[in-house]
Amino acid sequence: MGTDYQQARSALGARLRELRLEARLTGAQLASAVDWPPSKVSKLEHGRQTATPDDLRQWTEATGTRRVLGELTSQLQGFESHIRSWRRQLAHGHRPVQETWNAEISRTTTIHVWEESVIVGMLQTADYARHMFLRYTQLHGSTRDIEEAVRARMRRQEWLYEPGRKLCALMWEASLHALICPPAVLAAQLDRLAGVIGMDTVELGIVPLSSSLKVPAANGFWILDDRLAITEDWHAELWLDDEDTIGLYMTVWDTLRESAAYGAEAHRLIARARSALQEP
């Protein structure tokens, strides 16, 4: 879990403990008052569990501090808006997450993206996206709204055909070979990828496996104009909007770009991955 997230959660826990002590309640007494196991009180106070808005409401009621509920809720929303856990985001399936992305993309002019293991989402075929959502649904045990999620992701690609837009995409060559889907699906996906080379709104670079790298080919990330950087890990998405952090991600992107192949050479790498597939 990210350090900033853990620090924010620990700070909220310390504030909850302060309120409990001011009310002269033991952890066991507070747990009994709200019908919780005592271990939950300890986990919340020590930053080992993320509170929900209802947890905060019950805590302030039990400690007689409803006056600070707004403060606590704002504190929770502050770090949850930047560190968006998959558990919470996927509570209602993948479609709402895709629609949130669509809204953010719609107000963006230039996108810089790096993907090290999968095809860039805005360049995916429906079948490839379907298998991606299936894998993540299985991993997270989330609601099976795969078809709705696929349709939402495909709608995002309309952005590529709007004047004045620019997708600057970098991918590691390994992403062209990763069989997250059946070979036939990947073959069609690679055909689609080859077809976007030369589009006015797409600049596609492939970083060959044989390239020298000045930075590691680590987690994928997106930079939306100069206002937001988004990256993801297994537990959460990070939405980062401070200027220095966005600048760091842009530096990483620029550094990776130095190792990328474009145009005919990128097309050759895609064709090589395509020919390596065994057709069913």
Protein backbone atom coordinates (compact mmCIF):
# COMPACT_ATOMS: atom_id res chain seq x y z
CA MET A 1 0.00 0.00 0.00
CA GLY A 2 1.27 3.49 -0.83
CA THR A 3 3.03 5.38 1.96
CA ASP A 4 0.91 8.52 1.50
CA TYR A 5 -2.27 6.46 1.75
CA GLN A 6 -1.09 4.66 4.88
CA GLN A 7 -0.02 7.89 6.53
CA ALA A 8 -3.41 9.46 5.81
CA ARG A 9 -5.24 6.42 7.15
CA SER A 10 -3.07 6.39 10.28
CA ALA A 11 -3.76 10.09 10.82
CA LEU A 12 -7.50 9.46 10.62
CA GLY A 13 -7.11 6.56 13.06
CA ALA A 14 -5.21 8.77 15.51
CA ARG A 15 -8.03 11.32 15.37
CA LEU A 16 -10.61 8.61 16.08
CA ARG A 17 -8.59 7.42 19.07
CA GLU A 18 -8.40 10.99 20.34
CA LEU A 19 -12.19 11.29 20.20
CA ARG A 20 -12.62 8.00 22.06
CA LEU A 21 -10.24 9.03 24.82
CA GLU A 22 -11.94 12.43 25.16
CA ALA A 23 -15.22 10.56 25.67
CA ARG A 24 -13.53 8.44 28.38
CA LEU A 25 -14.41 5.19 26.62
CA THR A 26 -12.27 2.09 26.39
CA GLY A 27 -11.98 0.34 23.07
CA ALA A 28 -14.18 -2.46 24.37
CA GLN A 29 -16.85 0.00 25.54
CA LEU A 30 -16.97 1.76 22.18
CA ALA A 31 -17.13 -1.57 20.34
CA SER A 32 -20.02 -2.68 22.55
CA ALA A 33 -21.88 0.61 21.96
CA VAL A 34 -21.84 0.18 18.18
CA ASP A 35 -21.99 -3.63 18.14
CA TRP A 36 -18.55 -4.15 16.63
CA PRO A 37 -15.87 -6.70 17.49
CA PRO A 38 -13.21 -4.98 19.65
CA SER A 39 -10.60 -5.79 17.02
CA LYS A 40 -12.27 -3.39 14.58
CA VAL A 41 -11.77 -0.46 16.94
CA SER A 42 -8.09 -1.31 17.24
CA LYS A 43 -7.65 -1.71 13.47
CA LEU A 44 -9.31 1.64 12.74
CA GLU A 45 -7.30 3.49 15.36
CA HIS A 46 -3.98 2.05 14.23
CA GLY A 47 -4.61 2.59 10.51
CA ARG A 48 -4.86 -1.08 9.64
CA GLN A 49 -8.41 -0.77 8.25
CA THR A 50 -10.05 1.97 6.20
CA ALA A 51 -13.14 3.47 7.81
CA THR A 52 -16.38 3.79 5.88
CA PRO A 53 -18.63 6.87 6.14
CA ASP A 54 -21.02 4.78 8.26
CA ASP A 55 -18.15 3.78 10.57
CA LEU A 56 -17.42 7.47 11.13
CA ARG A 57 -21.07 8.23 11.82
CA GLN A 58 -21.33 5.46 14.42
CA TRP A 59 -18.04 6.49 16.03
CA THR A 60 -19.11 10.11 16.46
CA GLU A 61 -22.50 9.06 17.81
CA ALA A 62 -20.90 6.73 20.38
CA THR A 63 -18.41 9.39 21.49
CA GLY A 64 -20.90 12.28 21.44
CA THR A 65 -18.90 14.15 18.79
CA ARG A 66 -21.30 14.46 15.86
CA ARG A 67 -20.00 18.02 15.45
CA VAL A 68 -16.79 16.67 13.86
CA LEU A 69 -18.45 14.17 11.49
CA GLY A 70 -18.03 16.54 8.55
CA GLU A 71 -14.35 17.00 9.33
CA LEU A 72 -13.75 13.24 9.54
CA THR A 73 -15.72 12.58 6.35
CA SER A 74 -13.70 15.20 4.46
CA GLN A 75 -10.50 13.64 5.76
CA LEU A 76 -11.62 10.23 4.51
CA GLN A 77 -12.73 11.55 1.14
CA GLY A 78 -9.43 13.38 0.72
CA PHE A 79 -7.27 10.28 0.64
CA GLU A 80 -9.89 8.00 -0.89
CA SER A 81 -10.20 10.36 -3.89
CA HIS A 82 -6.49 9.97 -4.59
CA ILE A 83 -6.06 6.31 -3.61
CA ARG A 84 -9.05 4.52 -5.14
CA SER A 85 -9.12 0.95 -3.85
CA TRP A 86 -10.40 -1.67 -6.28
CA ARG A 87 -12.50 -3.17 -3.50
CA ARG A 88 -14.54 0.02 -3.28
CA GLN A 89 -14.44 0.97 -6.95
CA LEU A 90 -15.65 -2.45 -8.10
CA ALA A 91 -18.40 -2.77 -5.50
CA HIS A 92 -20.90 -2.11 -8.30
CA GLY A 93 -18.91 -3.64 -11.15
CA HIS A 94 -16.50 -2.45 -13.83
CA ARG A 95 -18.90 -0.29 -15.86
CA PRO A 96 -18.99 2.63 -13.35
CA VAL A 97 -15.18 2.68 -13.29
CA GLN A 98 -15.08 2.84 -17.09
CA GLU A 99 -17.65 5.65 -17.14
CA THR A 100 -15.58 7.64 -14.66
CA TRP A 101 -12.61 7.23 -16.98
CA ASN A 102 -14.73 8.26 -19.98
CA ALA A 103 -15.74 11.49 -18.27
CA GLU A 104 -12.12 12.30 -17.42
CA ILE A 105 -10.88 11.49 -20.92
CA SER A 106 -13.63 13.58 -22.55
CA ARG A 107 -12.17 16.77 -21.06
CA THR A 108 -8.61 15.88 -22.03
CA THR A 109 -6.78 17.09 -25.13
CA THR A 110 -3.48 15.20 -24.91
CA ILE A 111 -2.85 11.81 -23.29
CA HIS A 112 0.54 10.26 -22.59
CA VAL A 113 0.36 6.59 -21.65
CA TRP A 114 2.86 3.85 -20.87
CA GLU A 115 1.85 0.18 -20.70
CA GLU A 116 4.34 -2.54 -19.92
CA SER A 117 2.21 -5.70 -20.04
CA VAL A 118 -1.09 -5.12 -21.87
CA ILE A 119 -2.40 -3.29 -24.92
CA VAL A 120 -3.31 0.34 -24.24
CA GLY A 121 -7.00 0.43 -23.28
CA MET A 122 -7.99 3.02 -25.88
CA LEU A 123 -6.54 0.83 -28.63
CA GLN A 124 -8.09 -2.47 -27.50
CA THR A 125 -10.55 -4.51 -29.52
CA ALA A 126 -13.82 -5.47 -27.85
CA ASP A 127 -12.76 -9.12 -27.60
CA TYR A 128 -9.41 -8.27 -26.03
CA ALA A 129 -11.09 -5.92 -23.53
CA ARG A 130 -13.64 -8.62 -22.73
CA HIS A 131 -10.91 -11.03 -21.70
CA MET A 132 -9.18 -8.34 -19.65
CA PHE A 133 -12.35 -7.64 -17.70
CA LEU A 134 -12.94 -11.36 -17.24
CA ARG A 135 -9.49 -11.80 -15.68
CA TYR A 136 -9.95 -8.89 -13.29
CA THR A 137 -13.47 -9.97 -12.39
CA GLN A 138 -12.07 -13.36 -11.42
CA LEU A 139 -9.24 -11.76 -9.44
CA HIS A 140 -11.36 -9.32 -7.45
CA GLY A 141 -14.58 -11.33 -7.25
CA SER A 142 -16.41 -8.28 -8.60
CA THR A 143 -19.84 -7.98 -10.19
CA ARG A 144 -19.96 -9.65 -13.60
CA ASP A 145 -20.95 -6.70 -15.78
CA ILE A 146 -18.37 -7.49 -18.43
CA GLU A 147 -20.45 -6.63 -21.51
CA GLU A 148 -21.49 -3.26 -20.06
CA ALA A 149 -17.85 -2.53 -19.20
CA VAL A 150 -16.70 -3.45 -22.71
CA ARG A 151 -19.26 -1.14 -24.29
CA ALA A 152 -18.18 1.71 -22.01
CA ARG A 153 -14.51 1.19 -22.91
CA MET A 154 -15.30 1.06 -26.63
CA ARG A 155 -17.20 4.36 -26.37
CA ARG A 156 -14.01 5.95 -25.06
CA GLN A 157 -12.33 5.28 -28.40
CA GLU A 158 -14.60 7.83 -30.08
CA TRP A 159 -12.19 10.38 -28.61
CA LEU A 160 -9.56 9.19 -31.12
CA TYR A 161 -11.66 10.48 -34.01
CA GLU A 162 -12.23 13.97 -32.63
CA PRO A 163 -10.13 16.81 -34.10
CA GLY A 164 -7.50 18.32 -31.86
CA ARG A 165 -6.96 15.18 -29.77
CA LYS A 166 -3.63 13.37 -29.37
CA LEU A 167 -2.85 9.97 -27.84
CA CYS A 168 0.88 9.53 -27.28
CA ALA A 169 1.13 5.83 -26.45
CA LEU A 170 4.19 3.84 -25.44
CA MET A 171 4.14 0.07 -24.97
CA TRP A 172 6.79 -2.43 -24.04
CA GLU A 173 7.23 -5.13 -26.67
CA ALA A 174 6.30 -7.76 -24.07
CA SER A 175 2.71 -6.47 -24.14
CA LEU A 176 2.44 -7.62 -27.76
CA HIS A 177 3.12 -11.22 -26.74
CA ALA A 178 1.22 -11.51 -23.43
CA LEU A 179 -1.49 -14.17 -23.86
CA ILE A 180 -4.04 -12.70 -21.48
CA CYS A 181 -6.54 -13.88 -24.11
CA PRO A 182 -6.74 -16.70 -26.70
CA PRO A 183 -4.19 -16.47 -29.56
CA ALA A 184 -6.87 -15.67 -32.14
CA VAL A 185 -8.06 -12.72 -30.05
CA LEU A 186 -4.52 -11.42 -29.65
CA ALA A 187 -3.94 -11.80 -33.40
CA ALA A 188 -6.94 -9.61 -34.16
CA GLN A 189 -5.78 -7.15 -31.51
CA LEU A 190 -2.35 -6.89 -33.11
CA ASP A 191 -3.98 -6.28 -36.50
CA ARG A 192 -5.93 -3.44 -34.93
CA LEU A 193 -2.78 -2.05 -33.35
CA ALA A 194 -0.92 -2.07 -36.67
CA GLY A 195 -3.85 -0.22 -38.21
CA VAL A 196 -3.59 2.80 -35.90
CA ILE A 197 -0.01 3.56 -36.97
CA GLY A 198 -0.28 6.66 -39.11
CA MET A 199 -3.51 7.98 -37.56
CA ASP A 200 -3.37 11.74 -37.06
CA THR A 201 -4.47 11.45 -33.44
CA VAL A 202 -2.23 8.54 -32.42
CA GLU A 203 1.51 8.43 -31.88
CA LEU A 204 2.38 4.80 -31.10
CA GLY A 205 5.83 3.78 -29.92
CA ILE A 206 6.99 0.26 -29.06
CA VAL A 207 9.96 -0.19 -26.72
CA PRO A 208 11.81 -3.31 -27.97
CA LEU A 209 12.85 -5.96 -25.47
CA SER A 210 16.39 -5.54 -26.75
CA SER A 211 16.49 -1.80 -26.07
CA SER A 212 18.74 -0.26 -23.45
CA LEU A 213 16.58 1.35 -20.77
CA LYS A 214 17.48 4.34 -18.61
CA VAL A 215 14.58 3.58 -16.25
CA PRO A 216 12.93 0.22 -15.46
CA ALA A 217 9.88 -0.81 -17.48
CA ALA A 218 7.68 -0.63 -14.39
CA ASN A 219 3.94 -0.02 -13.80
CA GLY A 220 1.78 1.46 -16.52
CA PHE A 221 0.47 5.00 -16.13
CA TRP A 222 -1.57 7.70 -17.87
CA ILE A 223 -0.96 11.45 -17.92
CA LEU A 224 -4.00 13.55 -18.84
CA ASP A 225 -2.88 16.94 -20.17
CA ASP A 226 -0.78 18.42 -17.37
CA ARG A 227 -3.42 18.08 -14.65
CA LEU A 228 -3.56 14.40 -13.66
CA ALA A 229 -1.42 11.26 -13.56
CA ILE A 230 -3.11 7.90 -13.01
CA THR A 231 -1.34 4.65 -12.23
CA GLU A 232 -2.58 1.40 -10.80
CA ASP A 233 -1.45 -1.42 -8.59
CA TRP A 234 -3.12 -4.67 -7.62
CA HIS A 235 -4.98 -3.06 -4.72
CA ALA A 236 -5.84 0.40 -6.04
CA GLU A 237 -5.64 3.14 -8.64
CA LEU A 238 -3.64 6.24 -7.74
CA TRP A 239 -5.02 9.56 -9.03
CA LEU A 240 -2.22 12.10 -8.59
CA ASP A 241 -2.72 15.78 -9.26
CA ASP A 242 0.19 17.65 -7.68
CA GLU A 243 2.51 19.37 -10.13
CA ASP A 244 5.76 17.73 -8.99
CA THR A 245 4.37 14.20 -9.21
CA ILE A 246 2.90 14.78 -12.66
CA GLY A 247 6.26 16.17 -13.73
CA LEU A 248 8.02 13.05 -12.47
CA TYR A 249 5.72 10.77 -14.47
CA MET A 250 6.26 12.93 -17.56
CA THR A 251 10.02 12.62 -17.09
CA VAL A 252 9.68 8.83 -16.90
CA TRP A 253 7.55 8.83 -20.07
CA ASP A 254 10.04 11.00 -21.95
CA THR A 255 12.89 8.73 -20.84
CA LEU A 256 11.10 5.59 -22.02
CA ARG A 257 10.31 7.29 -25.32
CA GLU A 258 14.04 7.57 -26.02
CA SER A 259 14.12 3.76 -26.34
CA ALA A 260 10.97 3.43 -28.46
CA ALA A 261 10.56 2.43 -32.10
CA TYR A 262 8.05 4.27 -34.28
CA GLY A 263 6.59 4.00 -37.76
CA ALA A 264 7.90 1.16 -39.90
CA GLU A 265 10.04 -0.26 -37.08
CA ALA A 266 7.06 -0.34 -34.69
CA HIS A 267 5.04 -2.02 -37.43
CA ARG A 268 7.79 -4.64 -37.80
CA LEU A 269 7.70 -5.44 -34.07
CA ILE A 270 3.92 -5.85 -34.18
CA ALA A 271 4.17 -8.07 -37.27
CA ARG A 272 6.80 -10.22 -35.56
CA ALA A 273 4.53 -10.76 -32.57
CA ARG A 274 1.66 -11.54 -34.94
CA SER A 275 3.65 -14.16 -36.84
CA ALA A 276 4.77 -15.80 -33.59
CA LEU A 277 1.18 -16.71 -32.74
CA GLN A 278 -0.10 -20.14 -33.60
CA GLU A 279 -3.41 -19.76 -35.38
CA PRO A 280 -6.15 -22.09 -34.09
